[in-house]
N, C-alpha and C. Protein backbone atom coordinates (compact mmCIF):
# COMPACT_ATOMS: atom_id res chain seq x y z
N UNK A 1 40.20 15.94 16.77
CA UNK A 1 39.80 16.28 14.98
C UNK A 1 37.97 15.83 14.69
N UNK A 2 37.53 16.13 13.64
CA UNK A 2 36.14 16.07 13.81
C UNK A 2 36.23 15.70 12.09
N UNK A 3 35.20 14.65 12.33
CA UNK A 3 34.89 13.44 10.93
C UNK A 3 33.38 14.00 10.28
N UNK A 4 33.72 13.94 9.30
CA UNK A 4 31.45 14.00 8.41
C UNK A 4 31.55 12.86 8.14
N UNK A 5 30.49 12.61 8.86
CA UNK A 5 30.08 10.61 8.24
C UNK A 5 28.29 10.79 7.16
N UNK A 6 28.60 10.10 6.12
CA UNK A 6 27.55 10.31 5.05
C UNK A 6 26.51 8.90 5.29
N UNK A 7 25.62 9.08 5.97
CA UNK A 7 24.68 7.85 6.13
C UNK A 7 23.62 7.74 5.43
N UNK A 8 23.62 6.38 4.62
CA UNK A 8 22.52 6.20 3.52
C UNK A 8 21.74 5.18 4.55
N UNK A 9 20.18 5.16 4.60
CA UNK A 9 19.54 3.76 5.67
C UNK A 9 18.45 3.49 5.11
N UNK A 10 17.82 2.54 5.36
CA UNK A 10 17.01 1.92 4.67
C UNK A 10 16.21 1.05 5.68
N UNK A 11 15.13 1.21 5.90
CA UNK A 11 14.34 0.20 6.80
C UNK A 11 13.17 -0.05 7.08
N UNK A 12 12.41 -0.91 7.08
CA UNK A 12 10.74 -1.32 7.09
C UNK A 12 10.06 -0.03 7.80
N UNK A 13 9.51 0.96 7.17
CA UNK A 13 8.69 2.32 8.17
C UNK A 13 8.27 1.59 9.53
N UNK A 14 8.49 2.29 10.72
CA UNK A 14 7.46 2.02 11.67
C UNK A 14 7.65 3.77 12.89
N UNK A 15 7.21 3.59 13.54
CA UNK A 15 6.92 4.75 14.43
C UNK A 15 8.10 4.62 15.14
N UNK A 16 8.97 5.43 15.79
CA UNK A 16 9.73 5.71 16.20
C UNK A 16 11.35 5.45 15.85
N UNK A 17 11.71 5.37 14.82
CA UNK A 17 12.78 4.96 13.78
C UNK A 17 13.44 6.02 14.29
N UNK A 18 13.23 7.06 13.69
CA UNK A 18 14.23 8.81 13.29
C UNK A 18 14.64 8.92 14.84
N UNK A 19 13.43 8.18 15.98
CA UNK A 19 13.97 9.05 16.84
C UNK A 19 15.45 7.93 17.44
N UNK A 20 15.14 6.68 17.17
CA UNK A 20 15.81 5.97 17.58
C UNK A 20 17.54 6.07 16.77
N UNK A 21 17.55 6.62 15.78
CA UNK A 21 18.61 7.02 15.34
C UNK A 21 19.02 7.86 15.79
N UNK A 22 18.25 9.26 15.45
CA UNK A 22 18.90 10.58 16.34
C UNK A 22 19.39 10.37 18.04
N UNK A 23 18.88 9.27 18.67
CA UNK A 23 19.50 8.83 20.03
C UNK A 23 21.14 7.83 20.09
N UNK A 24 20.61 7.17 18.72
CA UNK A 24 22.16 6.48 18.82
C UNK A 24 23.10 7.91 18.29
N UNK A 25 23.00 8.70 17.35
CA UNK A 25 23.84 9.87 16.97
C UNK A 25 24.15 10.56 18.19
N UNK A 26 23.48 10.97 19.03
CA UNK A 26 23.93 11.68 20.06
C UNK A 26 24.35 11.28 21.22
N UNK A 27 24.15 9.75 21.31
CA UNK A 27 24.76 9.20 22.23
C UNK A 27 26.30 9.16 22.30
N UNK A 28 26.54 9.05 21.18
CA UNK A 28 27.67 8.86 20.74
C UNK A 28 28.18 10.16 20.38
N UNK A 29 28.01 11.36 20.63
CA UNK A 29 28.62 12.40 20.58
C UNK A 29 28.54 12.81 18.95
N UNK A 30 27.84 12.52 17.90
CA UNK A 30 27.50 13.07 16.76
C UNK A 30 26.63 14.55 16.34
N UNK A 31 26.56 14.92 16.16
CA UNK A 31 25.82 16.27 15.65
C UNK A 31 25.29 15.69 14.41
N UNK A 32 23.43 16.29 14.34
CA UNK A 32 22.78 15.71 13.14
C UNK A 32 22.84 16.98 12.65
N UNK A 33 23.28 16.42 11.17
CA UNK A 33 23.70 18.15 10.13
C UNK A 33 22.25 18.34 9.72
N UNK A 34 22.48 17.69 8.53
CA UNK A 34 21.75 17.92 6.89
C UNK A 34 20.71 16.54 7.05
N UNK A 35 19.28 16.74 6.47
CA UNK A 35 18.86 14.87 6.39
C UNK A 35 17.90 15.23 5.11
N UNK A 36 17.67 14.56 4.47
CA UNK A 36 16.65 14.34 3.45
C UNK A 36 15.88 12.56 3.86
N UNK A 37 14.97 12.53 4.16
CA UNK A 37 14.25 11.53 4.45
C UNK A 37 12.94 10.88 3.50
N UNK A 38 12.54 9.99 3.62
CA UNK A 38 10.69 9.78 2.96
C UNK A 38 10.45 8.51 3.03
N UNK A 39 9.46 7.90 2.92
CA UNK A 39 8.66 6.72 2.79
C UNK A 39 8.17 6.33 1.46
N UNK A 40 9.29 5.09 0.84
CA UNK A 40 9.19 5.26 -0.26
C UNK A 40 9.03 3.36 -0.68
N UNK A 41 7.73 2.99 -1.06
CA UNK A 41 7.58 2.17 -1.51
C UNK A 41 7.41 0.99 -0.16
N UNK A 42 6.82 1.25 1.08
CA UNK A 42 6.58 0.49 2.40
C UNK A 42 8.02 0.95 3.14
N UNK A 43 9.16 1.42 2.44
CA UNK A 43 10.23 1.62 3.55
C UNK A 43 10.39 3.14 3.74
N UNK A 44 11.41 3.03 4.98
CA UNK A 44 11.98 4.08 5.14
C UNK A 44 13.25 4.53 5.03
N UNK A 45 13.83 5.78 3.87
CA UNK A 45 15.04 5.61 3.47
C UNK A 45 15.54 7.38 3.98
N UNK A 46 16.61 7.07 4.13
CA UNK A 46 17.12 8.58 3.97
C UNK A 46 18.61 8.99 3.83
N UNK A 47 19.21 10.03 3.78
CA UNK A 47 20.51 10.40 3.98
C UNK A 47 20.56 11.20 4.93
N UNK A 48 21.81 11.44 5.22
CA UNK A 48 21.89 11.85 6.44
C UNK A 48 23.31 12.39 7.28
N UNK A 49 23.65 13.48 7.12
CA UNK A 49 25.06 14.24 7.02
C UNK A 49 25.15 14.27 8.80
N UNK A 50 25.98 13.24 9.62
CA UNK A 50 26.22 13.93 10.95
C UNK A 50 27.91 13.70 11.20
N UNK A 51 28.40 15.07 11.73
CA UNK A 51 29.83 14.92 12.49
C UNK A 51 29.93 14.80 13.56
N UNK A 52 31.21 13.99 13.67
CA UNK A 52 31.97 13.56 15.45
C UNK A 52 33.26 13.25 15.38
N UNK A 53 33.45 13.46 16.54
CA UNK A 53 35.16 13.54 17.14
C UNK A 53 35.57 12.60 16.47
N UNK A 54 36.58 12.43 15.81
CA UNK A 54 37.36 11.61 15.20
C UNK A 54 37.39 10.05 16.26
N UNK A 55 37.65 10.64 17.52
CA UNK A 55 38.30 9.42 18.29
C UNK A 55 36.74 8.46 18.91
N UNK A 56 35.58 8.90 18.67
CA UNK A 56 34.58 8.58 18.67
C UNK A 56 33.10 8.10 17.56
N UNK A 57 34.16 8.29 16.14
CA UNK A 57 33.70 7.47 15.11
C UNK A 57 33.65 6.51 15.04
N UNK A 58 34.71 5.57 15.44
CA UNK A 58 33.93 4.09 15.21
C UNK A 58 33.17 3.28 15.99
N UNK A 59 33.36 3.97 17.20
CA UNK A 59 31.77 3.61 18.06
C UNK A 59 30.87 4.25 17.64
N UNK A 60 30.52 5.23 17.32
CA UNK A 60 29.18 5.77 16.64
C UNK A 60 28.88 4.32 15.31
N UNK A 61 29.65 4.25 14.16
CA UNK A 61 29.67 3.56 13.33
C UNK A 61 29.42 2.50 13.74
N UNK A 62 29.62 1.91 14.54
CA UNK A 62 29.44 0.51 15.47
C UNK A 62 27.77 0.40 15.91
N UNK A 63 27.63 1.03 16.29
CA UNK A 63 26.15 1.30 17.13
C UNK A 63 25.17 1.91 16.09
N UNK A 64 25.34 2.64 15.23
CA UNK A 64 24.20 2.74 14.16
C UNK A 64 24.11 1.42 13.47
N UNK A 65 25.08 0.15 13.01
CA UNK A 65 25.16 -0.92 12.60
C UNK A 65 23.91 -1.86 12.78
N UNK A 66 24.06 -1.39 14.76
CA UNK A 66 23.46 -2.31 15.21
C UNK A 66 21.64 -2.03 15.69
N UNK A 67 21.43 -1.16 14.86
CA UNK A 67 19.68 -0.75 15.04
C UNK A 67 18.79 -1.49 14.11
N UNK A 68 18.36 -2.24 14.96
CA UNK A 68 17.41 -3.57 14.08
C UNK A 68 16.58 -2.60 12.75
N UNK A 69 16.30 -3.72 12.17
CA UNK A 69 15.79 -3.73 11.26
C UNK A 69 16.08 -2.36 10.37
N UNK A 70 17.24 -2.43 10.02
CA UNK A 70 17.78 -0.64 9.40
C UNK A 70 18.95 -1.00 8.42
N UNK A 71 19.35 -0.86 7.58
CA UNK A 71 20.05 -1.00 6.91
C UNK A 71 20.61 0.26 6.89
N UNK A 72 22.15 -0.16 7.00
CA UNK A 72 23.02 1.66 7.35
C UNK A 72 24.55 1.37 6.39
N UNK A 73 24.79 2.43 5.68
CA UNK A 73 25.93 2.66 4.71
C UNK A 73 26.26 3.59 5.11
N UNK A 74 27.47 3.76 5.61
CA UNK A 74 28.03 4.93 5.76
C UNK A 74 29.66 5.33 5.01
N UNK A 75 29.79 6.52 4.80
CA UNK A 75 31.06 6.72 3.98
C UNK A 75 31.47 8.57 4.75
N UNK A 76 32.89 8.18 4.72
CA UNK A 76 33.61 9.35 5.31
C UNK A 76 33.04 10.44 3.99
N UNK A 77 32.47 11.39 4.29
CA UNK A 77 32.77 12.79 3.66
C UNK A 77 33.81 13.86 4.34
N UNK A 78 33.45 14.75 3.43
CA UNK A 78 34.67 16.37 3.86
C UNK A 78 33.39 17.31 3.60
N UNK A 79 34.30 18.46 4.48
CA UNK A 79 33.80 19.63 3.95
C UNK A 79 34.02 20.16 2.68
N UNK A 80 33.19 21.19 2.31
CA UNK A 80 32.95 21.76 1.14
C UNK A 80 33.38 23.26 1.38
N UNK A 81 34.45 23.55 0.04
CA UNK A 81 34.77 25.26 0.66
C UNK A 81 34.03 25.92 -0.45
N UNK A 82 33.62 26.82 0.15
CA UNK A 82 32.17 27.78 -0.67
C UNK A 82 32.77 28.00 -1.99
N UNK A 83 32.32 27.77 -2.98
CA UNK A 83 32.40 27.89 -4.13
C UNK A 83 31.32 29.29 -5.30
N UNK A 84 31.58 30.08 -6.09
CA UNK A 84 31.42 30.79 -6.91
C UNK A 84 30.15 29.66 -7.75
N UNK A 85 29.17 29.92 -7.46
CA UNK A 85 28.13 29.18 -8.66
C UNK A 85 26.81 29.76 -8.52
N UNK A 86 26.62 29.76 -9.65
CA UNK A 86 24.80 30.42 -9.72
C UNK A 86 24.20 29.08 -9.72
N UNK A 87 22.83 29.61 -9.26
CA UNK A 87 21.99 28.54 -8.44
C UNK A 87 20.24 28.53 -9.34
N UNK A 88 19.69 27.52 -9.68
CA UNK A 88 18.60 27.56 -10.45
C UNK A 88 17.70 26.60 -9.81
N UNK A 89 16.72 26.70 -10.09
CA UNK A 89 15.17 25.92 -9.47
C UNK A 89 14.66 24.99 -10.85
N UNK A 90 14.64 23.97 -11.26
CA UNK A 90 13.97 23.57 -12.23
C UNK A 90 12.91 22.55 -12.02
N UNK A 91 11.76 22.78 -12.74
CA UNK A 91 10.15 22.70 -12.44
C UNK A 91 10.49 21.50 -13.86
N UNK A 92 9.60 20.35 -13.88
CA UNK A 92 9.22 19.58 -15.13
C UNK A 92 8.07 19.21 -14.43
N UNK A 93 6.93 19.11 -15.82
CA UNK A 93 5.96 18.73 -15.56
C UNK A 93 5.45 17.96 -16.67
N UNK A 94 4.69 16.92 -16.49
CA UNK A 94 3.95 16.13 -17.98
C UNK A 94 3.60 14.63 -17.38
N UNK A 95 2.91 14.26 -18.13
CA UNK A 95 2.34 12.53 -18.19
C UNK A 95 3.44 11.92 -18.58
N UNK A 96 3.49 10.83 -17.15
CA UNK A 96 4.78 10.05 -16.57
C UNK A 96 5.12 8.74 -17.72
N UNK A 97 6.23 9.08 -18.52
CA UNK A 97 6.78 7.89 -19.43
C UNK A 97 7.85 7.57 -18.77
N UNK A 98 8.75 6.26 -19.56
CA UNK A 98 9.60 6.01 -19.21
C UNK A 98 10.87 6.88 -20.07
N UNK A 99 12.12 7.77 -19.68
CA UNK A 99 13.27 8.52 -20.32
C UNK A 99 13.46 10.26 -19.45
N UNK A 100 12.12 10.59 -19.16
CA UNK A 100 11.99 12.01 -18.70
C UNK A 100 13.36 12.32 -18.07
N UNK A 101 13.55 11.78 -17.20
CA UNK A 101 14.64 11.80 -16.07
C UNK A 101 16.09 11.62 -16.50
N UNK A 102 16.15 10.60 -17.53
CA UNK A 102 17.39 10.69 -18.33
C UNK A 102 17.77 11.91 -19.26
N UNK A 103 16.78 12.03 -20.15
CA UNK A 103 16.68 13.10 -21.18
C UNK A 103 16.66 14.21 -20.58
N UNK A 104 16.41 14.93 -19.37
CA UNK A 104 16.19 16.00 -18.86
C UNK A 104 17.98 16.45 -18.50
N UNK A 105 18.37 15.14 -17.63
CA UNK A 105 19.53 15.27 -17.02
C UNK A 105 20.35 15.19 -17.93
N UNK A 106 20.32 14.61 -19.23
CA UNK A 106 21.28 14.48 -19.64
C UNK A 106 21.99 15.70 -20.44
N UNK A 107 20.54 16.55 -21.02
CA UNK A 107 20.46 17.91 -21.76
C UNK A 107 21.43 18.94 -20.29
N UNK A 108 21.03 18.59 -19.24
CA UNK A 108 22.05 19.49 -17.87
C UNK A 108 23.18 19.48 -18.23
N UNK A 109 23.56 17.43 -17.67
CA UNK A 109 25.15 17.39 -17.69
C UNK A 109 25.24 17.74 -19.21
N UNK A 110 25.35 18.04 -20.17
CA UNK A 110 25.76 18.69 -21.74
C UNK A 110 26.23 20.36 -21.30
N UNK A 111 25.20 20.82 -20.50
CA UNK A 111 25.95 21.84 -20.60
C UNK A 111 26.68 22.43 -18.93
N UNK A 112 27.18 21.52 -18.38
CA UNK A 112 27.62 21.39 -17.30
C UNK A 112 27.15 21.63 -15.90
N UNK A 113 26.15 21.39 -16.14
CA UNK A 113 25.30 21.62 -14.45
C UNK A 113 25.05 20.66 -14.13
N UNK A 114 25.21 20.86 -12.57
CA UNK A 114 25.88 19.98 -11.25
C UNK A 114 23.89 20.04 -10.84
N UNK A 115 23.56 18.70 -10.53
CA UNK A 115 22.27 18.70 -9.37
C UNK A 115 22.51 18.70 -8.22
N UNK A 116 22.28 19.59 -7.06
CA UNK A 116 22.36 19.34 -5.78
C UNK A 116 21.05 18.99 -5.13
N UNK A 117 20.00 18.73 -5.43
CA UNK A 117 18.95 18.30 -5.21
C UNK A 117 17.37 18.14 -6.42
N UNK A 118 17.14 16.67 -5.69
CA UNK A 118 16.10 16.20 -7.07
C UNK A 118 15.24 15.47 -6.46
N UNK A 119 14.02 15.76 -6.75
CA UNK A 119 12.69 15.39 -6.06
C UNK A 119 11.77 14.93 -7.12
N UNK A 120 11.48 13.79 -7.14
CA UNK A 120 10.06 13.63 -8.68
C UNK A 120 9.51 12.67 -7.66
N UNK A 121 8.22 12.86 -8.62
CA UNK A 121 6.89 12.03 -7.77
C UNK A 121 5.74 11.77 -8.93
N UNK A 122 5.33 11.31 -9.11
CA UNK A 122 3.78 10.62 -10.11
C UNK A 122 2.35 10.95 -9.23
N UNK A 123 1.44 10.94 -9.74
CA UNK A 123 0.31 11.18 -9.03
C UNK A 123 -0.81 10.82 -10.15
N UNK A 124 -2.28 10.26 -9.80
CA UNK A 124 -2.81 10.54 -10.57
C UNK A 124 -3.37 11.66 -11.56
N UNK A 125 -3.41 11.52 -12.39
CA UNK A 125 -3.85 12.74 -13.82
C UNK A 125 -5.40 12.34 -13.77
N UNK A 126 -6.29 13.24 -13.14
CA UNK A 126 -7.58 12.90 -13.36
C UNK A 126 -8.06 12.84 -14.92
N UNK A 127 -7.82 13.82 -15.84
CA UNK A 127 -8.44 14.19 -17.00
C UNK A 127 -8.03 12.91 -17.50
N UNK A 128 -6.60 12.41 -17.68
CA UNK A 128 -6.25 11.53 -18.74
C UNK A 128 -6.42 10.03 -18.27
N UNK A 129 -6.53 10.10 -16.67
CA UNK A 129 -6.67 8.49 -16.23
C UNK A 129 -5.41 8.10 -16.03
N UNK A 130 -4.22 8.55 -16.80
CA UNK A 130 -2.95 8.47 -16.33
C UNK A 130 -2.55 8.72 -15.30
N UNK A 131 -0.76 9.07 -15.41
CA UNK A 131 -0.08 9.55 -14.09
C UNK A 131 0.54 10.75 -14.74
N UNK A 132 0.84 11.71 -13.74
CA UNK A 132 1.51 12.67 -13.88
C UNK A 132 2.43 12.44 -13.42
N UNK A 133 3.83 12.91 -14.06
CA UNK A 133 5.28 13.22 -12.96
C UNK A 133 5.88 14.65 -12.92
N UNK A 134 6.66 14.52 -12.08
CA UNK A 134 6.84 15.96 -11.28
C UNK A 134 8.31 15.77 -10.98
N UNK A 135 8.76 16.80 -11.57
CA UNK A 135 9.95 16.63 -10.85
C UNK A 135 10.59 18.49 -10.39
N UNK A 136 11.07 18.44 -9.06
CA UNK A 136 11.97 19.84 -8.88
C UNK A 136 13.38 19.11 -8.37
N UNK A 137 14.31 20.25 -9.04
CA UNK A 137 15.80 19.94 -8.89
C UNK A 137 16.10 21.54 -8.53
N UNK A 138 17.07 21.36 -7.62
CA UNK A 138 18.31 22.50 -7.57
C UNK A 138 19.54 22.15 -8.61
N UNK A 139 19.71 23.01 -8.83
CA UNK A 139 20.85 22.98 -9.59
C UNK A 139 21.91 24.38 -9.73
N UNK A 140 22.85 23.73 -10.02
CA UNK A 140 24.39 24.28 -9.54
C UNK A 140 25.34 24.48 -10.58
N UNK A 141 25.33 25.88 -10.99
CA UNK A 141 26.48 25.60 -12.39
C UNK A 141 27.52 26.79 -12.10
N UNK A 142 28.86 27.09 -12.64
CA UNK A 142 29.79 27.76 -12.87
C UNK A 142 29.34 29.14 -13.07
N UNK A 143 29.80 30.19 -12.76
CA UNK A 143 29.61 31.59 -12.89
C UNK A 143 29.62 31.35 -14.33
N UNK A 144 30.60 31.41 -15.12
CA UNK A 144 30.65 31.41 -16.59
C UNK A 144 29.32 30.66 -17.66
N UNK A 145 28.42 29.88 -16.68
CA UNK A 145 27.34 29.24 -17.61
C UNK A 145 26.70 30.17 -17.71
N UNK A 146 25.98 29.55 -19.14
CA UNK A 146 25.06 31.15 -19.51
C UNK A 146 23.31 30.38 -19.42
N UNK A 147 22.47 31.14 -19.25
CA UNK A 147 20.84 30.90 -18.64
C UNK A 147 20.51 30.68 -19.72
N UNK A 148 20.73 31.14 -20.81
CA UNK A 148 19.85 31.27 -22.04
C UNK A 148 20.60 29.89 -22.67
N UNK A 149 21.75 29.20 -23.12
CA UNK A 149 21.84 28.56 -23.15
C UNK A 149 21.37 26.86 -22.18
N UNK A 150 21.10 27.14 -21.07
CA UNK A 150 20.91 26.15 -20.44
C UNK A 150 19.12 25.82 -20.78
N UNK A 151 18.69 27.31 -20.93
CA UNK A 151 17.33 27.23 -21.39
C UNK A 151 17.13 26.76 -22.54
N UNK A 152 17.96 26.86 -23.74
CA UNK A 152 17.77 26.54 -25.19
C UNK A 152 17.51 24.76 -24.96
N UNK A 153 18.77 24.58 -24.39
CA UNK A 153 18.88 22.99 -24.08
C UNK A 153 17.68 22.17 -24.16
N UNK A 154 16.96 22.86 -22.67
CA UNK A 154 16.02 21.99 -22.08
C UNK A 154 14.27 22.27 -23.10
N UNK A 155 14.34 23.53 -23.58
CA UNK A 155 13.51 23.70 -24.51
C UNK A 155 13.34 22.12 -25.60
N UNK A 156 14.80 22.54 -25.90
CA UNK A 156 14.94 21.57 -27.57
C UNK A 156 14.31 19.91 -26.90
N UNK A 157 14.36 19.38 -25.68
CA UNK A 157 13.82 18.44 -25.57
C UNK A 157 12.09 17.97 -24.90
N UNK A 158 12.08 19.43 -24.66
CA UNK A 158 10.74 19.64 -23.47
C UNK A 158 9.56 19.07 -24.92
N UNK A 159 9.77 19.67 -26.03
CA UNK A 159 8.19 19.46 -26.82
C UNK A 159 8.49 17.77 -27.27
N UNK A 160 9.73 16.99 -27.19
CA UNK A 160 10.20 15.67 -27.69
C UNK A 160 9.66 14.74 -26.74
N UNK A 161 9.64 15.13 -25.35
CA UNK A 161 9.26 14.58 -24.35
C UNK A 161 7.84 14.77 -23.82
N UNK A 162 7.12 15.91 -24.47
CA UNK A 162 5.83 16.28 -23.91
C UNK A 162 5.75 16.28 -22.78
N UNK A 163 6.75 17.46 -22.31
CA UNK A 163 6.50 17.88 -20.77
C UNK A 163 6.54 19.37 -20.54
N UNK A 164 6.18 20.10 -19.63
CA UNK A 164 6.49 21.68 -19.38
C UNK A 164 7.72 21.89 -18.70
N UNK A 165 8.93 22.14 -18.82
CA UNK A 165 10.06 22.78 -18.17
C UNK A 165 10.12 23.89 -17.94
N UNK A 166 10.06 24.55 -16.28
CA UNK A 166 10.45 25.61 -16.37
C UNK A 166 11.83 25.88 -15.30
N UNK A 167 12.70 27.12 -15.98
CA UNK A 167 14.05 27.11 -14.96
C UNK A 167 13.96 28.34 -14.54
N UNK A 168 13.97 28.40 -13.06
CA UNK A 168 14.15 29.33 -12.35
C UNK A 168 14.99 30.15 -11.74
N UNK A 169 15.35 31.45 -11.44
CA UNK A 169 16.30 31.93 -10.93
C UNK A 169 15.99 31.63 -9.57
């Protein structure tokens, strides 16, 4: 029987870290399926989905925990059955300040929208000398969700947050 593992990793960034992780997964019969990895604040962090046969799971988990200078959290996942969902892309752009993520995603949650992927960053805003905040998200909702209602919820907060919010099909 196949097991799906979800790994959360964090370690001091260094050359060869991904190769070392991939070697451990492959050596222990794991299949590297999906991942998101990034350099954040001097650390290399990532999320990784690995499938492995049930009889090799414990050995793989033990080997992952022996990688030097790498913190590894392991959770058993499950294969998701295909669902009828609508997907949207979201873009948020504006001057950085506390509360943007909270307020935008509170409005989305109120409309029953689920976040599939989220990426945020700040960069220097040349004109103002401050920071520019940017978010991109992949959103999912049931087939009964109304795009117009979601758009209204976002427009209602965009002015208060002083950001531009775009909802794309």
